[in-house]
Amino acid sequence: MSAGDKVRSPCISVCALDESDVCIGCQRTGDEIMYWTQMTNEERLDVLRKVAEREAQIAL
């Protein structure tokens, strides 16, 4: 798999974890950030679904 085929990180270079261990920039947990480079595309897509759910909760 080439680099162009990998699911890209949602990082927006606003890196700070809140009291729930979730980045205020990309909405990933500390563990999700730490293991991102080791994840399969399927695992990354699952994380992106969770990120979308977290973002929806913030918008409420």
C-alpha atoms as a PDB file:
ATOM      1  CA  MET A   1       0.000   0.000   0.000  1.00  0.00           C
ATOM      2  CA  SER A   2       1.420   3.346  -0.978  1.00  0.00           C
ATOM      3  CA  ALA A   3       1.303   6.418   1.242  1.00  0.00           C
ATOM      4  CA  GLY A   4      -1.392   7.851  -1.021  1.00  0.00           C
ATOM      5  CA  ASP A   5      -3.665   4.877  -0.250  1.00  0.00           C
ATOM      6  CA  LYS A   6      -3.582   5.346   3.532  1.00  0.00           C
ATOM      7  CA  VAL A   7      -6.372   7.113   5.395  1.00  0.00           C
ATOM      8  CA  ARG A   8      -4.979  10.494   6.376  1.00  0.00           C
ATOM      9  CA  SER A   9      -4.760  11.803   9.906  1.00  0.00           C
ATOM     10  CA  PRO A  10      -7.364  14.362  10.982  1.00  0.00           C
ATOM     11  CA  CYS A  11      -4.654  16.380  12.751  1.00  0.00           C
ATOM     12  CA  ILE A  12      -5.003  20.148  12.283  1.00  0.00           C
ATOM     13  CA  SER A  13      -1.888  21.025  14.332  1.00  0.00           C
ATOM     14  CA  VAL A  14      -3.898  22.278  17.314  1.00  0.00           C
ATOM     15  CA  CYS A  15      -2.578  19.703  19.741  1.00  0.00           C
ATOM     16  CA  ALA A  16      -3.799  19.753  23.323  1.00  0.00           C
ATOM     17  CA  LEU A  17      -5.607  17.054  25.276  1.00  0.00           C
ATOM     18  CA  ASP A  18      -8.604  18.062  27.379  1.00  0.00           C
ATOM     19  CA  GLU A  19      -9.539  16.610  30.776  1.00  0.00           C
ATOM     20  CA  SER A  20     -11.086  13.587  28.972  1.00  0.00           C
ATOM     21  CA  ASP A  21      -7.819  12.802  27.098  1.00  0.00           C
ATOM     22  CA  VAL A  22      -9.325  14.020  23.798  1.00  0.00           C
ATOM     23  CA  CYS A  23      -7.412  16.397  21.538  1.00  0.00           C
ATOM     24  CA  ILE A  24      -9.195  19.733  21.170  1.00  0.00           C
ATOM     25  CA  GLY A  25      -7.963  19.989  17.570  1.00  0.00           C
ATOM     26  CA  CYS A  26      -8.661  16.616  15.953  1.00  0.00           C
ATOM     27  CA  GLN A  27     -10.975  14.990  18.539  1.00  0.00           C
ATOM     28  CA  ARG A  28      -8.865  11.838  18.811  1.00  0.00           C
ATOM     29  CA  THR A  29      -7.940  10.330  22.157  1.00  0.00           C
ATOM     30  CA  GLY A  30      -4.334  10.192  23.270  1.00  0.00           C
ATOM     31  CA  ASP A  31      -4.209   6.466  22.476  1.00  0.00           C
ATOM     32  CA  GLU A  32      -5.747   6.983  19.023  1.00  0.00           C
ATOM     33  CA  ILE A  33      -3.092   9.582  18.257  1.00  0.00           C
ATOM     34  CA  MET A  34      -0.272   7.440  19.604  1.00  0.00           C
ATOM     35  CA  TYR A  35      -1.243   4.323  17.620  1.00  0.00           C
ATOM     36  CA  TRP A  36      -2.426   6.048  14.395  1.00  0.00           C
ATOM     37  CA  THR A  37       0.677   5.120  12.379  1.00  0.00           C
ATOM     38  CA  GLN A  38       0.323   1.451  13.367  1.00  0.00           C
ATOM     39  CA  MET A  39      -3.400   1.197  12.509  1.00  0.00           C
ATOM     40  CA  THR A  40      -4.864  -0.424   9.424  1.00  0.00           C
ATOM     41  CA  ASN A  41      -7.076   1.663   7.143  1.00  0.00           C
ATOM     42  CA  GLU A  42     -10.130  -0.049   8.653  1.00  0.00           C
ATOM     43  CA  GLU A  43      -9.029   0.911  12.164  1.00  0.00           C
ATOM     44  CA  ARG A  44      -8.360   4.479  11.024  1.00  0.00           C
ATOM     45  CA  LEU A  45     -11.827   4.713   9.467  1.00  0.00           C
ATOM     46  CA  ASP A  46     -13.317   3.496  12.747  1.00  0.00           C
ATOM     47  CA  VAL A  47     -11.427   6.244  14.591  1.00  0.00           C
ATOM     48  CA  LEU A  48     -12.693   8.830  12.089  1.00  0.00           C
ATOM     49  CA  ARG A  49     -16.276   7.670  12.763  1.00  0.00           C
ATOM     50  CA  LYS A  50     -15.671   8.176  16.483  1.00  0.00           C
ATOM     51  CA  VAL A  51     -14.146  11.597  15.769  1.00  0.00           C
ATOM     52  CA  ALA A  52     -17.305  12.568  13.858  1.00  0.00           C
ATOM     53  CA  GLU A  53     -19.449  11.472  16.817  1.00  0.00           C
ATOM     54  CA  ARG A  54     -17.315  13.512  19.229  1.00  0.00           C
ATOM     55  CA  GLU A  55     -17.532  16.558  16.966  1.00  0.00           C
ATOM     56  CA  ALA A  56     -21.333  16.199  16.805  1.00  0.00           C
ATOM     57  CA  GLN A  57     -21.475  16.200  20.614  1.00  0.00           C
ATOM     58  CA  ILE A  58     -19.483  19.446  20.729  1.00  0.00           C
ATOM     59  CA  ALA A  59     -21.879  21.091  18.258  1.00  0.00           C
ATOM     60  CA  LEU A  60     -24.867  20.416  20.544  1.00  0.00           C
END
